[in-house]
C-alpha atoms as a PDB file:
ATOM      1  CA  MET A   1      -8.404  -0.454  -4.783  1.00  0.00           C
ATOM      2  CA  ALA A   2      -7.963   3.239  -5.522  1.00  0.00           C
ATOM      3  CA  GLU A   3      -5.320   5.530  -6.956  1.00  0.00           C
ATOM      4  CA  GLU A   4      -3.075   7.133  -4.395  1.00  0.00           C
ATOM      5  CA  LYS A   5      -3.950  10.734  -3.666  1.00  0.00           C
ATOM      6  CA  ARG A   6      -1.440  13.336  -4.803  1.00  0.00           C
ATOM      7  CA  VAL A   7      -1.237  15.678  -1.852  1.00  0.00           C
ATOM      8  CA  ASN A   8       1.123  18.461  -0.914  1.00  0.00           C
ATOM      9  CA  LEU A   9       2.293  17.741   2.627  1.00  0.00           C
ATOM     10  CA  GLU A  10       4.347  20.917   2.951  1.00  0.00           C
ATOM     11  CA  SER A  11       3.948  22.803   6.234  1.00  0.00           C
ATOM     12  CA  ARG A  12       2.366  19.839   8.020  1.00  0.00           C
ATOM     13  CA  LYS A  13       3.785  19.402  11.520  1.00  0.00           C
ATOM     14  CA  LEU A  14       3.658  15.835  12.785  1.00  0.00           C
ATOM     15  CA  PHE A  15       4.020  14.785  16.409  1.00  0.00           C
ATOM     16  CA  ILE A  16       4.743  11.067  16.782  1.00  0.00           C
ATOM     17  CA  GLY A  17       3.769   9.704  20.190  1.00  0.00           C
ATOM     18  CA  ILE A  18       5.252   6.355  21.243  1.00  0.00           C
ATOM     19  CA  PRO A  19       4.175   4.739  24.512  1.00  0.00           C
ATOM     20  CA  ALA A  20       7.025   2.441  25.554  1.00  0.00           C
ATOM     21  CA  TYR A  21       6.638   1.015  29.045  1.00  0.00           C
ATOM     22  CA  ASP A  22      10.140  -0.435  29.273  1.00  0.00           C
ATOM     23  CA  GLY A  23      11.796   2.435  27.420  1.00  0.00           C
ATOM     24  CA  LYS A  24      12.500   0.246  24.390  1.00  0.00           C
ATOM     25  CA  ILE A  25      11.296   0.143  20.803  1.00  0.00           C
ATOM     26  CA  SER A  26      12.052  -2.516  18.205  1.00  0.00           C
ATOM     27  CA  ILE A  27      15.005  -2.085  15.880  1.00  0.00           C
ATOM     28  CA  LYS A  28      12.526  -2.070  12.994  1.00  0.00           C
ATOM     29  CA  LEU A  29      10.631   0.914  14.411  1.00  0.00           C
ATOM     30  CA  ALA A  30      13.921   2.703  15.122  1.00  0.00           C
ATOM     31  CA  TYR A  31      14.942   2.115  11.503  1.00  0.00           C
ATOM     32  CA  THR A  32      11.562   3.448  10.342  1.00  0.00           C
ATOM     33  CA  LEU A  33      12.001   6.672  12.302  1.00  0.00           C
ATOM     34  CA  ALA A  34      15.523   7.104  10.927  1.00  0.00           C
ATOM     35  CA  GLN A  35      14.209   6.667   7.371  1.00  0.00           C
ATOM     36  CA  LEU A  36      11.256   8.970   7.980  1.00  0.00           C
ATOM     37  CA  MET A  37      13.221  12.077   8.939  1.00  0.00           C
ATOM     38  CA  PRO A  38      14.951  12.807   5.597  1.00  0.00           C
ATOM     39  CA  LYS A  39      11.870  11.779   3.599  1.00  0.00           C
ATOM     40  CA  ALA A  40       9.627  14.059   5.664  1.00  0.00           C
ATOM     41  CA  MET A  41      12.102  16.934   5.404  1.00  0.00           C
ATOM     42  CA  SER A  42      12.205  16.599   1.617  1.00  0.00           C
ATOM     43  CA  LEU A  43       8.394  16.954   1.547  1.00  0.00           C
ATOM     44  CA  GLY A  44       8.350  19.978   3.845  1.00  0.00           C
ATOM     45  CA  VAL A  45       6.999  18.024   6.824  1.00  0.00           C
ATOM     46  CA  SER A  46       8.453  18.720  10.250  1.00  0.00           C
ATOM     47  CA  VAL A  47       8.481  15.852  12.757  1.00  0.00           C
ATOM     48  CA  LYS A  48       8.720  15.844  16.531  1.00  0.00           C
ATOM     49  CA  LEU A  49       9.062  12.684  18.584  1.00  0.00           C
ATOM     50  CA  GLY A  50       7.505  12.121  21.979  1.00  0.00           C
ATOM     51  CA  HIS A  51       7.664   9.047  24.172  1.00  0.00           C
ATOM     52  CA  VAL A  52       6.584   7.956  27.612  1.00  0.00           C
ATOM     53  CA  SER A  53       8.504   5.267  29.460  1.00  0.00           C
ATOM     54  CA  GLY A  54       7.959   3.622  32.817  1.00  0.00           C
ATOM     55  CA  CYS A  55       4.201   4.139  32.898  1.00  0.00           C
ATOM     56  CA  SER A  56       2.355   0.827  33.147  1.00  0.00           C
ATOM     57  CA  ILE A  57      -1.110   2.383  32.712  1.00  0.00           C
ATOM     58  CA  ILE A  58      -1.664   2.870  28.980  1.00  0.00           C
ATOM     59  CA  THR A  59      -4.336   5.546  29.439  1.00  0.00           C
ATOM     60  CA  MET A  60      -1.934   7.676  31.479  1.00  0.00           C
ATOM     61  CA  ALA A  61       0.840   7.132  28.936  1.00  0.00           C
ATOM     62  CA  ARG A  62      -1.405   8.231  26.059  1.00  0.00           C
ATOM     63  CA  ASN A  63      -2.636  11.251  28.002  1.00  0.00           C
ATOM     64  CA  MET A  64       0.932  12.323  28.756  1.00  0.00           C
ATOM     65  CA  LEU A  65       1.723  12.086  25.048  1.00  0.00           C
ATOM     66  CA  VAL A  66      -1.390  14.149  24.302  1.00  0.00           C
ATOM     67  CA  ASP A  67      -0.128  16.726  26.803  1.00  0.00           C
ATOM     68  CA  GLN A  68       3.269  16.841  25.070  1.00  0.00           C
ATOM     69  CA  PHE A  69       1.501  17.254  21.738  1.00  0.00           C
ATOM     70  CA  LEU A  70      -0.682  20.117  22.974  1.00  0.00           C
ATOM     71  CA  GLN A  71       2.383  21.928  24.271  1.00  0.00           C
ATOM     72  CA  SER A  72       3.926  21.730  20.791  1.00  0.00           C
ATOM     73  CA  ASP A  73       2.923  23.611  17.641  1.00  0.00           C
ATOM     74  CA  CYS A  74       2.245  20.390  15.725  1.00  0.00           C
ATOM     75  CA  THR A  75      -0.837  20.096  13.527  1.00  0.00           C
ATOM     76  CA  GLU A  76      -1.485  16.383  14.059  1.00  0.00           C
ATOM     77  CA  LEU A  77      -0.684  13.573  16.452  1.00  0.00           C
ATOM     78  CA  LEU A  78       0.315  10.116  15.254  1.00  0.00           C
ATOM     79  CA  PHE A  79       0.317   7.297  17.769  1.00  0.00           C
ATOM     80  CA  ILE A  80       2.671   4.446  16.920  1.00  0.00           C
ATOM     81  CA  ASP A  81       2.733   1.703  19.534  1.00  0.00           C
ATOM     82  CA  GLY A  82       6.095   0.090  20.138  1.00  0.00           C
ATOM     83  CA  ASP A  83       4.772  -3.322  19.047  1.00  0.00           C
ATOM     84  CA  VAL A  84       3.268  -2.108  15.743  1.00  0.00           C
ATOM     85  CA  LEU A  85       5.746  -2.133  12.846  1.00  0.00           C
ATOM     86  CA  ALA A  86       5.031   0.768  10.520  1.00  0.00           C
ATOM     87  CA  GLU A  87       7.382   1.878   7.760  1.00  0.00           C
ATOM     88  CA  ALA A  88       8.230   5.448   6.773  1.00  0.00           C
ATOM     89  CA  ASP A  89       6.078   5.194   3.648  1.00  0.00           C
ATOM     90  CA  ASP A  90       3.110   4.017   5.768  1.00  0.00           C
ATOM     91  CA  ILE A  91       3.369   7.179   7.859  1.00  0.00           C
ATOM     92  CA  LEU A  92       3.623   9.503   4.854  1.00  0.00           C
ATOM     93  CA  ARG A  93       0.829   7.644   3.074  1.00  0.00           C
ATOM     94  CA  LEU A  94      -1.480   7.983   6.078  1.00  0.00           C
ATOM     95  CA  MET A  95      -0.777  11.723   6.179  1.00  0.00           C
ATOM     96  CA  ALA A  96      -1.479  12.050   2.446  1.00  0.00           C
ATOM     97  CA  GLN A  97      -4.625   9.928   2.540  1.00  0.00           C
ATOM     98  CA  SER A  98      -6.013  11.666   5.611  1.00  0.00           C
ATOM     99  CA  GLY A  99      -6.594  14.983   3.815  1.00  0.00           C
ATOM    100  CA  ASP A 100      -9.121  16.884   5.910  1.00  0.00           C
ATOM    101  CA  LYS A 101     -10.306  13.772   7.753  1.00  0.00           C
ATOM    102  CA  ASP A 102     -10.565  14.019  11.544  1.00  0.00           C
ATOM    103  CA  ILE A 103      -9.062  10.665  12.490  1.00  0.00           C
ATOM    104  CA  THR A 104      -7.399   8.124  10.216  1.00  0.00           C
ATOM    105  CA  ALA A 105      -5.728   4.832  11.057  1.00  0.00           C
ATOM    106  CA  GLY A 106      -4.050   1.787   9.621  1.00  0.00           C
ATOM    107  CA  SER A 107      -4.958  -1.782  10.556  1.00  0.00           C
ATOM    108  CA  TYR A 108      -2.962  -4.392  12.416  1.00  0.00           C
ATOM    109  CA  PRO A 109      -4.120  -7.802  13.684  1.00  0.00           C
ATOM    110  CA  ARG A 110      -4.527  -8.869  17.279  1.00  0.00           C
ATOM    111  CA  ARG A 111      -1.545 -10.777  18.605  1.00  0.00           C
ATOM    112  CA  SER A 112      -3.300 -14.096  18.118  1.00  0.00           C
ATOM    113  CA  ARG A 113      -4.170 -16.626  15.447  1.00  0.00           C
ATOM    114  CA  ASP A 114      -7.881 -15.768  15.337  1.00  0.00           C
ATOM    115  CA  ARG A 115      -7.512 -13.317  12.419  1.00  0.00           C
ATOM    116  CA  LYS A 116      -9.402 -10.612  14.250  1.00  0.00           C
ATOM    117  CA  PHE A 117      -8.665  -6.911  14.098  1.00  0.00           C
ATOM    118  CA  PHE A 118      -9.155  -4.006  16.472  1.00  0.00           C
ATOM    119  CA  MET A 119     -12.104  -2.297  14.808  1.00  0.00           C
ATOM    120  CA  ASP A 120     -15.864  -1.833  14.706  1.00  0.00           C
ATOM    121  CA  LEU A 121     -17.230  -1.300  11.189  1.00  0.00           C
ATOM    122  CA  TYR A 122     -19.604   1.523  10.229  1.00  0.00           C
ATOM    123  CA  PHE A 123     -22.635   0.857   8.032  1.00  0.00           C
ATOM    124  CA  ASP A 124     -24.796   3.649   6.627  1.00  0.00           C
ATOM    125  CA  GLU A 125     -28.611   3.816   6.576  1.00  0.00           C
ATOM    126  CA  ASN A 126     -28.627   1.435   3.594  1.00  0.00           C
ATOM    127  CA  ASN A 127     -26.422  -1.042   5.468  1.00  0.00           C
ATOM    128  CA  GLU A 128     -23.564  -0.153   3.128  1.00  0.00           C
ATOM    129  CA  LEU A 129     -19.911   0.422   3.917  1.00  0.00           C
ATOM    130  CA  GLU A 130     -18.817   4.010   3.248  1.00  0.00           C
ATOM    131  CA  PHE A 131     -15.621   4.635   1.265  1.00  0.00           C
ATOM    132  CA  ASP A 132     -13.595   7.640   0.178  1.00  0.00           C
ATOM    133  CA  GLY A 133     -10.959   6.167  -2.072  1.00  0.00           C
ATOM    134  CA  ALA A 134      -8.918   3.764   0.033  1.00  0.00           C
ATOM    135  CA  LEU A 135     -10.412   5.156   3.241  1.00  0.00           C
ATOM    136  CA  MET A 136     -13.319   3.320   4.851  1.00  0.00           C
ATOM    137  CA  ARG A 137     -15.408   4.915   7.563  1.00  0.00           C
ATOM    138  CA  ILE A 138     -15.483   2.976  10.828  1.00  0.00           C
ATOM    139  CA  ASN A 139     -16.878   3.429  14.312  1.00  0.00           C
ATOM    140  CA  ARG A 140     -13.895   2.312  16.355  1.00  0.00           C
ATOM    141  CA  VAL A 141     -10.336   1.222  15.736  1.00  0.00           C
ATOM    142  CA  GLY A 142      -7.167   0.465  17.672  1.00  0.00           C
ATOM    143  CA  THR A 143      -4.898   3.398  18.507  1.00  0.00           C
ATOM    144  CA  GLY A 144      -1.629   1.643  17.639  1.00  0.00           C
ATOM    145  CA  PHE A 145      -1.302   3.480  14.302  1.00  0.00           C
ATOM    146  CA  MET A 146      -3.692   6.419  14.440  1.00  0.00           C
ATOM    147  CA  LEU A 147      -3.416   9.968  13.081  1.00  0.00           C
ATOM    148  CA  ILE A 148      -5.496  12.611  14.891  1.00  0.00           C
ATOM    149  CA  ARG A 149      -5.937  16.249  13.858  1.00  0.00           C
ATOM    150  CA  ARG A 150      -5.189  18.897  16.436  1.00  0.00           C
ATOM    151  CA  ASN A 151      -8.743  20.295  16.596  1.00  0.00           C
ATOM    152  CA  VAL A 152     -10.042  16.827  17.553  1.00  0.00           C
ATOM    153  CA  ILE A 153      -7.620  16.559  20.468  1.00  0.00           C
ATOM    154  CA  GLU A 154      -8.283  20.144  21.581  1.00  0.00           C
ATOM    155  CA  THR A 155     -12.060  19.673  21.504  1.00  0.00           C
ATOM    156  CA  ILE A 156     -11.989  16.490  23.571  1.00  0.00           C
ATOM    157  CA  ALA A 157      -9.286  17.757  25.953  1.00  0.00           C
ATOM    158  CA  GLU A 158     -11.277  20.897  26.726  1.00  0.00           C
ATOM    159  CA  LYS A 159     -14.229  18.777  27.914  1.00  0.00           C
ATOM    160  CA  SER A 160     -12.168  16.155  29.742  1.00  0.00           C
ATOM    161  CA  GLU A 161     -11.390  15.964  33.445  1.00  0.00           C
ATOM    162  CA  LYS A 162      -7.881  17.115  34.389  1.00  0.00           C
ATOM    163  CA  TYR A 163      -5.378  15.564  36.786  1.00  0.00           C
ATOM    164  CA  LEU A 164      -1.810  16.121  37.965  1.00  0.00           C
ATOM    165  CA  GLY A 165       0.899  14.709  35.766  1.00  0.00           C
ATOM    166  CA  GLN A 166       3.125  11.795  36.739  1.00  0.00           C
ATOM    167  CA  ASP A 167       5.653  14.190  38.301  1.00  0.00           C
ATOM    168  CA  GLY A 168       2.931  15.842  40.404  1.00  0.00           C
ATOM    169  CA  ILE A 169       2.722  18.995  38.327  1.00  0.00           C
ATOM    170  CA  GLY A 170       0.826  20.084  35.264  1.00  0.00           C
ATOM    171  CA  ASN A 171      -2.783  19.740  34.229  1.00  0.00           C
ATOM    172  CA  VAL A 172      -3.201  16.628  32.092  1.00  0.00           C
ATOM    173  CA  ALA A 173      -6.497  16.111  30.262  1.00  0.00           C
ATOM    174  CA  SER A 174      -8.033  12.648  30.549  1.00  0.00           C
ATOM    175  CA  VAL A 175      -8.564  12.320  26.801  1.00  0.00           C
ATOM    176  CA  PHE A 176      -7.979   8.575  26.963  1.00  0.00           C
ATOM    177  CA  ASP A 177      -9.668   6.457  29.622  1.00  0.00           C
ATOM    178  CA  PHE A 178     -11.396   3.123  30.090  1.00  0.00           C
ATOM    179  CA  LYS A 179     -15.155   2.776  30.530  1.00  0.00           C
ATOM    180  CA  LEU A 180     -17.892   0.232  31.122  1.00  0.00           C
ATOM    181  CA  MET A 181     -20.711   0.015  28.584  1.00  0.00           C
ATOM    182  CA  ASP A 182     -23.629  -2.403  28.740  1.00  0.00           C
ATOM    183  CA  GLY A 183     -21.753  -4.514  31.268  1.00  0.00           C
ATOM    184  CA  LYS A 184     -18.660  -4.740  29.066  1.00  0.00           C
ATOM    185  CA  PHE A 185     -15.198  -3.278  29.525  1.00  0.00           C
ATOM    186  CA  VAL A 186     -14.239  -0.821  26.761  1.00  0.00           C
ATOM    187  CA  GLY A 187     -10.564  -0.087  26.162  1.00  0.00           C
ATOM    188  CA  GLU A 188      -9.118   3.398  25.830  1.00  0.00           C
ATOM    189  CA  ASP A 189      -8.882   3.225  22.034  1.00  0.00           C
ATOM    190  CA  TYR A 190     -12.572   2.422  21.491  1.00  0.00           C
ATOM    191  CA  ALA A 191     -13.590   4.857  24.247  1.00  0.00           C
ATOM    192  CA  PHE A 192     -11.630   7.621  22.501  1.00  0.00           C
ATOM    193  CA  CYS A 193     -13.337   6.872  19.172  1.00  0.00           C
ATOM    194  CA  ASP A 194     -16.713   7.053  20.951  1.00  0.00           C
ATOM    195  CA  LYS A 195     -15.791  10.453  22.421  1.00  0.00           C
ATOM    196  CA  ALA A 196     -14.726  11.722  19.007  1.00  0.00           C
ATOM    197  CA  ARG A 197     -17.874  10.515  17.265  1.00  0.00           C
ATOM    198  CA  ASN A 198     -20.029  12.044  20.016  1.00  0.00           C
ATOM    199  CA  GLU A 199     -18.400  15.374  19.141  1.00  0.00           C
ATOM    200  CA  GLY A 200     -19.327  14.914  15.468  1.00  0.00           C
ATOM    201  CA  PHE A 201     -15.906  13.751  14.259  1.00  0.00           C
ATOM    202  CA  LYS A 202     -15.505  10.804  11.907  1.00  0.00           C
ATOM    203  CA  VAL A 203     -13.054   7.911  12.073  1.00  0.00           C
ATOM    204  CA  TRP A 204     -11.537   6.441   8.917  1.00  0.00           C
ATOM    205  CA  LEU A 205      -9.354   3.443   8.113  1.00  0.00           C
ATOM    206  CA  ASP A 206      -6.902   3.178   5.225  1.00  0.00           C
ATOM    207  CA  VAL A 207      -7.757  -0.381   4.216  1.00  0.00           C
ATOM    208  CA  GLU A 208      -4.553  -0.753   2.187  1.00  0.00           C
ATOM    209  CA  ILE A 209      -2.284  -0.238   5.184  1.00  0.00           C
ATOM    210  CA  SER A 210      -1.724  -3.536   6.982  1.00  0.00           C
ATOM    211  CA  LEU A 211       0.947  -3.570   9.668  1.00  0.00           C
ATOM    212  CA  PRO A 212       2.614  -6.404  11.599  1.00  0.00           C
ATOM    213  CA  HIS A 213       1.856  -6.636  15.312  1.00  0.00           C
ATOM    214  CA  VAL A 214       4.747  -8.012  17.325  1.00  0.00           C
ATOM    215  CA  GLY A 215       4.382 -10.473  20.190  1.00  0.00           C
ATOM    216  CA  GLN A 216       6.388 -13.644  20.579  1.00  0.00           C
ATOM    217  CA  GLU A 217       6.221 -13.544  16.799  1.00  0.00           C
ATOM    218  CA  GLU A 218       5.012 -11.114  14.140  1.00  0.00           C
ATOM    219  CA  PHE A 219       1.287 -11.336  13.355  1.00  0.00           C
ATOM    220  CA  THR A 220       0.781 -10.141   9.794  1.00  0.00           C
ATOM    221  CA  ASN A 221      -2.853 -10.858   8.923  1.00  0.00           C
ATOM    222  CA  ASN A 222      -4.141  -8.526   6.219  1.00  0.00           C
ATOM    223  CA  PHE A 223      -7.486  -6.839   6.986  1.00  0.00           C
ATOM    224  CA  TYR A 224      -8.214  -5.862   3.373  1.00  0.00           C
ATOM    225  CA  GLN A 225      -7.611  -9.338   1.958  1.00  0.00           C
ATOM    226  CA  GLU A 226      -8.822 -11.524   4.806  1.00  0.00           C
ATOM    227  CA  VAL A 227     -11.786  -9.588   6.200  1.00  0.00           C
ATOM    228  CA  LEU A 228     -12.980  -6.740   3.990  1.00  0.00           C
ATOM    229  CA  THR A 229     -12.907  -8.495   0.607  1.00  0.00           C
ATOM    230  CA  PRO A 230     -14.879 -11.587   1.800  1.00  0.00           C
ATOM    231  CA  LEU A 231     -17.330  -9.312   3.658  1.00  0.00           C
ATOM    232  CA  MET A 232     -18.043  -7.240   0.552  1.00  0.00           C
ATOM    233  CA  GLU A 233     -18.455 -10.399  -1.530  1.00  0.00           C
ATOM    234  CA  ASP A 234     -20.972 -11.788   0.985  1.00  0.00           C
ATOM    235  CA  MET A 235     -22.890  -8.500   0.900  1.00  0.00           C
ATOM    236  CA  ARG A 236     -22.912  -8.576  -2.909  1.00  0.00           C
ATOM    237  CA  LYS A 237     -24.255 -12.141  -2.944  1.00  0.00           C
ATOM    238  CA  ALA A 238     -26.953 -11.248  -0.401  1.00  0.00           C
ATOM    239  CA  LYS A 239     -28.137  -8.363  -2.593  1.00  0.00           C
ATOM    240  CA  LEU A 240     -28.209 -10.583  -5.674  1.00  0.00           C
ATOM    241  CA  LYS A 241     -30.286 -13.152  -3.816  1.00  0.00           C
ATOM    242  CA  VAL A 242     -32.822 -10.497  -2.767  1.00  0.00           C
ATOM    243  CA  ALA A 243     -32.936  -8.993  -6.269  1.00  0.00           C
ATOM    244  CA  ASN A 244     -33.425 -12.396  -7.917  1.00  0.00           C
ATOM    245  CA  GLY A 245     -35.957 -13.600  -5.368  1.00  0.00           C
END
């Protein structure tokens, strides 16, 4: 779709946050992290790992990871959920593609056969999709493979309510939380994207990253091939029909 960006990643400091309720990650994700370390080091990228285990409330787990991130000197936070199978090259690609973007993510399907993805598309004033190379602007996306710049987290954390940490100490910002909107329940990932956009930040999706989502089996639907390409073709046909009367 677009040539890969040639970007110098040197001096970037990545914090990888993994919420793992049962304290386990898949062998594939463990292998990815093992592969990532020498590759990142060779590119001048430092990596810190954070995880939260034993917390059954995903919003609390994400907020604790945010707290760990803010206490570090890292420049960006990457969430990788334990059931999303990213590879080392996916992580480095997302960093390279993100450039100066506020929030960037990769896609993964729901753990079902309905071929649906965790995202809400953005259309501009001309009802067009907005692209920057392989990045497509979106309104909301799942947090399972999401890269967030430090200034985004700091801005939202500063305005968020604070509460005691799981151990009864600390001052954890409620960056991630659930909400009700128009009589519908909104998950913490979409609610976070709404907070970010309300602060003037933009959310982007690398449409060429398509990751398996693990349940009883691996769900490997490809957003670019199965959703975006047919959508753009339908939009093209609709414009031709209007132009030709």
